[in-house]
Protein backbone atom coordinates (compact mmCIF):
# COMPACT_ATOMS: atom_id res chain seq x y z
CA UNK A 1 0.00 0.00 0.00
CA UNK A 2 2.91 2.37 0.75
CA UNK A 3 4.09 2.21 -2.87
CA UNK A 4 0.73 3.49 -4.16
CA UNK A 5 1.08 6.80 -2.30
CA UNK A 6 4.82 7.24 -2.77
CA UNK A 7 5.55 9.60 -5.70
CA UNK A 8 8.98 8.03 -6.19
CA UNK A 9 7.40 4.75 -7.27
CA UNK A 10 4.25 6.10 -8.94
CA UNK A 11 0.93 4.33 -9.26
CA UNK A 12 1.36 0.53 -9.48
CA UNK A 13 -1.81 0.12 -11.61
CA UNK A 14 -0.55 2.67 -14.14
CA UNK A 15 2.90 1.07 -14.19
CA UNK A 16 1.38 -2.41 -14.70
CA UNK A 17 -0.86 -1.10 -17.49
CA UNK A 18 2.18 0.43 -19.23
CA UNK A 19 4.05 -2.87 -18.89
CA UNK A 20 1.03 -4.71 -20.31
CA UNK A 21 0.89 -2.37 -23.32
CA UNK A 22 4.64 -2.80 -23.97
CA UNK A 23 4.30 -6.58 -23.82
CA UNK A 24 1.20 -6.55 -26.00
CA UNK A 25 3.05 -4.48 -28.60
CA UNK A 26 5.95 -6.93 -28.55
CA UNK A 27 3.56 -9.87 -28.90
CA UNK A 28 1.67 -8.34 -31.82
CA UNK A 29 4.92 -7.42 -33.62
CA UNK A 30 6.28 -10.91 -32.92
CA UNK A 31 3.14 -12.51 -34.33
CA UNK A 32 3.40 -10.37 -37.47
CA UNK A 33 7.09 -11.20 -38.04
CA UNK A 34 6.49 -14.88 -37.35
CA UNK A 35 3.86 -14.90 -40.11
CA UNK A 36 6.25 -13.10 -42.48
CA UNK A 37 9.05 -15.64 -41.96
CA UNK A 38 6.71 -18.62 -41.62
CA UNK A 39 7.48 -19.51 -38.01
CA UNK A 40 4.95 -20.56 -35.41
CA UNK A 41 4.81 -18.28 -32.34
CA UNK A 42 1.59 -19.57 -30.82
CA UNK A 43 0.88 -21.57 -27.72
CA UNK A 44 0.12 -25.21 -28.50
CA UNK A 45 -3.60 -25.95 -28.40
CA UNK A 46 -4.43 -28.62 -25.81
CA UNK A 47 -7.50 -29.76 -27.77
CA UNK A 48 -5.41 -30.42 -30.90
CA UNK A 49 -2.73 -32.28 -28.94
CA UNK A 50 -5.40 -34.32 -27.15
CA UNK A 51 -6.80 -35.45 -30.52
CA UNK A 52 -3.38 -36.35 -31.87
CA UNK A 53 -2.21 -38.43 -28.90
CA UNK A 54 -5.43 -40.25 -28.02
CA UNK A 55 -5.58 -39.73 -24.25
CA UNK A 56 -6.06 -43.08 -22.50
CA UNK A 57 -5.69 -42.01 -18.86
CA UNK A 58 -5.56 -38.93 -16.64
CA UNK A 59 -3.69 -38.94 -13.33
CA UNK A 60 -3.77 -36.22 -10.67
CA UNK A 61 -0.12 -35.46 -9.81
CA UNK A 62 -0.81 -32.88 -7.10
CA UNK A 63 0.83 -29.60 -6.23
CA UNK A 64 4.24 -29.08 -7.85
CA UNK A 65 6.75 -26.39 -8.77
CA UNK A 66 6.82 -26.34 -12.57
CA UNK A 67 9.47 -24.61 -14.70
CA UNK A 68 7.69 -21.84 -16.60
CA UNK A 69 9.83 -22.63 -19.65
CA UNK A 70 8.03 -25.99 -19.95
CA UNK A 71 4.58 -24.37 -20.10
CA UNK A 72 4.03 -24.21 -23.83
CA UNK A 73 0.31 -24.62 -24.38
CA UNK A 74 -3.19 -23.62 -23.41
CA UNK A 75 -6.68 -24.95 -23.07
CA UNK A 76 -8.76 -22.38 -24.92
CA UNK A 77 -6.61 -19.23 -24.63
CA UNK A 78 -4.15 -19.66 -27.52
CA UNK A 79 -5.32 -16.43 -29.14
CA UNK A 80 -4.92 -14.36 -25.95
CA UNK A 81 -1.19 -14.99 -25.33
CA UNK A 82 1.81 -15.68 -27.54
CA UNK A 83 4.33 -18.47 -27.01
CA UNK A 84 6.16 -16.27 -24.47
CA UNK A 85 2.91 -15.62 -22.57
CA UNK A 86 2.84 -11.99 -23.66
CA UNK A 87 -0.74 -10.73 -24.02
CA UNK A 88 -2.02 -10.48 -27.58
CA UNK A 89 -5.38 -8.88 -26.86
CA UNK A 90 -6.40 -5.75 -25.00
CA UNK A 91 -9.40 -7.44 -23.38
CA UNK A 92 -7.04 -9.12 -20.90
CA UNK A 93 -5.66 -5.78 -19.59
CA UNK A 94 -7.71 -5.46 -16.38
CA UNK A 95 -7.05 -9.02 -15.24
CA UNK A 96 -3.32 -8.80 -16.09
CA UNK A 97 -2.95 -5.49 -14.24
CA UNK A 98 -4.79 -6.89 -11.20
CA UNK A 99 -2.43 -9.87 -11.04
CA UNK A 100 0.65 -7.67 -11.53
CA UNK A 101 -0.42 -5.27 -8.75
CA UNK A 102 -1.18 -8.19 -6.41
CA UNK A 103 2.27 -9.61 -7.14
CA UNK A 104 3.93 -6.25 -6.46
CA UNK A 105 2.20 -6.17 -3.06
CA UNK A 106 3.30 -9.76 -2.26
CA UNK A 107 -0.29 -11.01 -2.28
CA UNK A 108 -0.37 -14.80 -2.30
CA UNK A 109 -2.05 -16.02 -5.49
CA UNK A 110 -3.58 -19.47 -5.95
CA UNK A 111 -1.68 -22.20 -7.77
CA UNK A 112 -2.27 -22.40 -11.51
CA UNK A 113 -3.85 -25.51 -13.04
CA UNK A 114 -1.81 -27.36 -15.64
CA UNK A 115 -2.09 -30.47 -17.78
CA UNK A 116 1.17 -32.31 -18.41
CA UNK A 117 1.70 -34.34 -21.56
CA UNK A 118 5.18 -35.82 -21.68
CA UNK A 119 7.48 -32.89 -20.74
CA UNK A 120 5.11 -30.15 -21.91
CA UNK A 121 2.55 -28.33 -19.76
CA UNK A 122 -0.72 -26.74 -20.87
CA UNK A 123 -2.56 -24.06 -18.90
CA UNK A 124 -6.12 -24.79 -17.82
CA UNK A 125 -6.37 -21.93 -15.33
CA UNK A 126 -3.85 -19.20 -14.55
CA UNK A 127 -2.79 -17.70 -17.88
CA UNK A 128 -2.49 -14.19 -16.42
CA UNK A 129 -0.55 -15.43 -13.36
CA UNK A 130 1.90 -17.23 -15.65
CA UNK A 131 2.21 -14.21 -17.95
CA UNK A 132 2.95 -11.86 -15.05
CA UNK A 133 5.33 -14.32 -13.39
CA UNK A 134 7.26 -14.86 -16.62
CA UNK A 135 7.53 -11.17 -17.39
CA UNK A 136 8.91 -10.52 -13.90
CA UNK A 137 11.61 -13.17 -14.32
CA UNK A 138 10.10 -15.93 -12.22
CA UNK A 139 11.49 -19.33 -13.29
CA UNK A 140 8.99 -21.68 -11.61
CA UNK A 141 5.35 -21.51 -10.62
CA UNK A 142 3.25 -23.49 -8.17
CA UNK A 143 0.73 -25.63 -10.02
CA UNK A 144 -1.89 -28.31 -9.55
CA UNK A 145 -0.90 -30.80 -12.22
CA UNK A 146 -2.91 -33.46 -14.01
CA UNK A 147 -0.90 -35.83 -16.22
CA UNK A 148 -2.50 -37.05 -19.44
CA UNK A 149 -1.18 -40.33 -20.83
CA UNK A 150 -1.55 -40.89 -24.55
CA UNK A 151 -1.78 -44.12 -26.49
CA UNK A 152 1.48 -45.33 -28.01
CA UNK A 153 2.45 -47.90 -30.60
CA UNK A 154 3.29 -50.29 -27.75
CA UNK A 155 -0.26 -50.07 -26.39
CA UNK A 156 -1.71 -51.50 -29.58
CA UNK A 157 0.47 -54.65 -29.25
CA UNK A 158 -0.80 -55.59 -25.77
Foldseek 3Di string as FASTA:
>chain_A
DVLCPDPVNHHLLVVQLVVLVVLLVVQQVVVVVCVVVVHAFWADEPVVVCVVQVFDDKAWPFKDKAFLLQARHEHPCRQQATRLLRGNDPVCSVVLSVLLVCVVVVNDDDFWEWEDEPSHIYGHGDSSVSSNCSVVPNGITIYGYMYTYGDDPVNVVD
